[in-house]
Amino acid sequence: MNRTLALIFILPLTAFALNEWHIQSDGFKTKPSTQQFVASYKAEADQIAPQPIVNLTAPLNQLSNRAHDYLYKQGRLPDQLANTAFSEFDLDTLKTLQPGDHFILVIDEYLSYTVEISNIIEASNGDRSVFGKVNDHAKAGHQAVMTLTENTLQGQFDAGKQSYKFQSHGEYGWVTKL
């Protein structure tokens, strides 16, 4: 029985003492590894590159007197000139936007709106219908829609109690308060 008690108490105490001695003598300190870690990835063909979300900090249109002059010479001025601002539109950027992207639409020199694209429908002829949500200054979301053909843009949106229509012939167009 004395042997049994000795084994029950002495062996664990000895193991504990040896462990403490090993810890105190820096036996468990980690040493820097010189081995480089290599992560294994799937083949590039199996991976789908994430598409970046476009958050334009520059507006999609810029106010422009050249737009007025061009549209006047072409005979394409809007029916209503009051509350109308003439703009140059970036149609190439519009053609690259995807759902989830944001862009800024300038109304006049004091007012602009941010539009978040929610859906895009592409026709077989290349025309794009873009649907989005206007984040106006009252933080309320309103719907926006625009159609982009090869060389024209037409759209409309509501922002609070105001409605706006925009149109371009090539890069030159206008934004009108309805």
Protein backbone atom coordinates (compact mmCIF):
# COMPACT_ATOMS: atom_id res chain seq x y z
CA MET A 1 0.00 0.00 0.00
CA ASN A 2 2.89 2.36 0.68
CA ARG A 3 4.12 1.73 -2.83
CA THR A 4 0.71 2.48 -4.27
CA LEU A 5 0.45 5.76 -2.35
CA ALA A 6 3.96 6.67 -3.43
CA LEU A 7 3.08 6.04 -7.08
CA ILE A 8 -0.14 8.01 -6.81
CA PHE A 9 1.50 11.06 -5.21
CA ILE A 10 5.18 10.93 -6.15
CA LEU A 11 4.88 10.33 -9.89
CA PRO A 12 2.52 13.28 -10.57
CA LEU A 13 4.60 15.55 -8.31
CA THR A 14 7.78 14.50 -10.13
CA ALA A 15 6.18 15.14 -13.51
CA PHE A 16 4.98 18.55 -12.30
CA ALA A 17 8.45 19.45 -10.99
CA LEU A 18 10.15 18.41 -14.23
CA ASN A 19 7.63 20.44 -16.25
CA GLU A 20 8.22 23.53 -14.08
CA TRP A 21 11.99 23.11 -14.38
CA HIS A 22 11.63 22.87 -18.19
CA ILE A 23 9.52 26.04 -18.32
CA GLN A 24 11.91 27.96 -16.06
CA SER A 25 14.90 26.93 -18.16
CA ASP A 26 13.39 28.49 -21.35
CA GLY A 27 12.68 25.09 -22.82
CA PHE A 28 9.27 26.20 -24.14
CA LYS A 29 10.22 29.54 -25.63
CA THR A 30 9.24 29.68 -29.25
CA LYS A 31 11.95 30.28 -31.71
CA PRO A 32 11.27 32.05 -35.01
CA SER A 33 10.62 29.65 -37.82
CA THR A 34 12.67 29.96 -40.94
CA GLN A 35 10.18 27.87 -42.83
CA GLN A 36 7.99 29.89 -45.19
CA PHE A 37 4.31 29.17 -45.16
CA VAL A 38 2.83 28.29 -48.50
CA ALA A 39 -0.88 28.65 -48.90
CA SER A 40 -2.48 26.43 -51.45
CA TYR A 41 -5.03 28.04 -53.69
CA LYS A 42 -7.40 26.66 -56.24
CA ALA A 43 -6.38 26.98 -59.84
CA GLU A 44 -6.91 30.45 -61.29
CA ALA A 45 -9.54 29.07 -63.65
CA ASP A 46 -11.63 27.98 -60.65
CA GLN A 47 -11.55 31.41 -59.06
CA ILE A 48 -13.91 34.22 -59.99
CA ALA A 49 -12.33 37.60 -59.56
CA PRO A 50 -14.51 39.89 -57.44
CA GLN A 51 -15.96 42.77 -59.41
CA PRO A 52 -15.13 46.16 -57.92
CA ILE A 53 -17.96 48.41 -56.83
CA VAL A 54 -17.73 51.74 -58.57
CA ASN A 55 -18.20 54.63 -56.22
CA LEU A 56 -17.72 57.64 -58.39
CA THR A 57 -16.45 60.65 -56.54
CA ALA A 58 -16.62 62.73 -59.70
CA PRO A 59 -20.13 63.38 -60.98
CA LEU A 60 -21.43 61.50 -63.99
CA ASN A 61 -22.28 64.82 -65.62
CA GLN A 62 -20.68 68.25 -65.57
CA LEU A 63 -22.51 71.53 -66.12
CA SER A 64 -21.54 72.91 -69.52
CA ASN A 65 -22.26 75.89 -71.74
CA ARG A 66 -20.84 73.91 -74.66
CA ALA A 67 -23.75 71.49 -74.24
CA HIS A 68 -26.24 74.33 -74.72
CA ASP A 69 -24.42 75.62 -77.80
CA TYR A 70 -24.15 72.15 -79.37
CA LEU A 71 -27.81 71.27 -78.75
CA TYR A 72 -28.93 74.67 -80.06
CA LYS A 73 -26.99 74.18 -83.33
CA GLN A 74 -28.42 70.67 -83.67
CA GLY A 75 -31.99 71.86 -83.01
CA ARG A 76 -32.31 69.57 -79.99
CA LEU A 77 -33.01 71.98 -77.15
CA PRO A 78 -35.62 70.78 -74.65
CA ASP A 79 -39.17 72.12 -74.87
CA GLN A 80 -38.87 73.64 -71.42
CA LEU A 81 -35.85 75.87 -70.86
CA ALA A 82 -36.84 77.14 -67.40
CA ASN A 83 -35.31 75.04 -64.60
CA THR A 84 -32.99 73.33 -67.09
CA ALA A 85 -29.26 72.85 -66.65
CA PHE A 86 -27.08 71.80 -69.60
CA SER A 87 -24.51 69.09 -69.01
CA GLU A 88 -21.84 66.91 -70.55
CA PHE A 89 -22.51 63.27 -69.66
CA ASP A 90 -19.90 60.53 -69.27
CA LEU A 91 -21.64 57.84 -71.36
CA ASP A 92 -18.60 55.54 -71.39
CA THR A 93 -18.65 55.27 -67.59
CA LEU A 94 -22.41 54.73 -67.65
CA LYS A 95 -21.90 51.74 -69.93
CA THR A 96 -19.61 50.07 -67.36
CA LEU A 97 -21.76 50.49 -64.25
CA GLN A 98 -23.10 47.36 -62.54
CA PRO A 99 -25.68 46.71 -59.77
CA GLY A 100 -24.34 47.95 -56.45
CA ASP A 101 -22.38 50.81 -58.03
CA HIS A 102 -23.01 54.43 -57.06
CA PHE A 103 -22.79 57.58 -59.14
CA ILE A 104 -23.47 61.28 -58.63
CA LEU A 105 -25.91 63.15 -60.87
CA VAL A 106 -25.54 66.95 -60.88
CA ILE A 107 -28.84 68.86 -61.13
CA ASP A 108 -27.52 72.41 -61.02
CA GLU A 109 -24.58 74.23 -59.48
CA TYR A 110 -25.99 73.80 -55.96
CA LEU A 111 -27.71 70.42 -56.05
CA SER A 112 -26.67 66.85 -56.81
CA TYR A 113 -27.95 63.38 -55.95
CA THR A 114 -26.28 60.02 -55.43
CA VAL A 115 -27.85 57.08 -57.22
CA GLU A 116 -27.25 53.45 -56.24
CA ILE A 117 -27.86 51.00 -59.08
CA SER A 118 -30.13 48.12 -58.11
CA ASN A 119 -30.75 46.41 -61.46
CA ILE A 120 -29.69 46.55 -65.09
CA ILE A 121 -31.52 45.00 -68.02
CA GLU A 122 -29.57 44.68 -71.26
CA ALA A 123 -31.45 44.32 -74.53
CA SER A 124 -30.19 42.22 -77.42
CA ASN A 125 -29.41 45.39 -79.39
CA GLY A 126 -27.06 46.66 -76.64
CA ASP A 127 -29.41 49.15 -75.01
CA ARG A 128 -29.27 49.21 -71.20
CA SER A 129 -32.10 50.03 -68.83
CA VAL A 130 -30.68 51.01 -65.45
CA PHE A 131 -32.81 51.05 -62.32
CA GLY A 132 -31.67 52.57 -59.06
CA LYS A 133 -32.40 54.26 -55.81
CA VAL A 134 -31.82 57.99 -55.34
CA ASN A 135 -30.35 58.88 -51.98
CA ASP A 136 -31.59 62.42 -51.54
CA HIS A 137 -30.68 64.89 -48.84
CA ALA A 138 -33.65 63.82 -46.70
CA LYS A 139 -32.09 60.31 -46.62
CA ALA A 140 -35.18 58.86 -48.21
CA GLY A 141 -34.83 56.47 -51.12
CA HIS A 142 -36.64 57.21 -54.36
CA GLN A 143 -36.61 55.31 -57.61
CA ALA A 144 -34.59 56.27 -60.67
CA VAL A 145 -34.66 54.82 -64.16
CA MET A 146 -32.63 55.55 -67.26
CA THR A 147 -32.12 54.00 -70.66
CA LEU A 148 -28.79 54.16 -72.38
CA THR A 149 -28.47 53.45 -76.08
CA GLU A 150 -25.32 53.57 -78.15
CA ASN A 151 -25.29 57.36 -78.23
CA THR A 152 -28.21 58.68 -76.14
CA LEU A 153 -29.37 58.72 -72.56
CA GLN A 154 -32.87 59.28 -71.21
CA GLY A 155 -33.93 59.08 -67.60
CA GLN A 156 -36.13 60.31 -64.83
CA PHE A 157 -36.19 60.20 -61.04
CA ASP A 158 -38.04 61.58 -58.05
CA ALA A 159 -36.34 63.15 -55.06
CA GLY A 160 -38.74 64.13 -52.33
CA LYS A 161 -41.39 66.39 -53.83
CA GLN A 162 -39.31 67.12 -56.94
CA SER A 163 -39.10 65.17 -60.18
CA TYR A 164 -36.28 65.44 -62.69
CA LYS A 165 -35.82 64.34 -66.27
CA PHE A 166 -32.48 64.10 -68.04
CA GLN A 167 -31.57 63.42 -71.63
CA SER A 168 -28.49 63.52 -73.82
CA HIS A 169 -27.67 63.33 -77.50
CA GLY A 170 -24.14 62.03 -77.50
CA GLU A 171 -22.31 63.46 -74.54
CA TYR A 172 -24.32 66.71 -74.50
CA GLY A 173 -27.65 66.93 -72.74
CA TRP A 174 -29.68 68.52 -69.99
CA VAL A 175 -31.35 67.97 -66.63
CA THR A 176 -34.81 69.51 -66.21
CA LYS A 177 -36.90 69.97 -63.10
CA LEU A 178 -40.46 68.87 -63.90
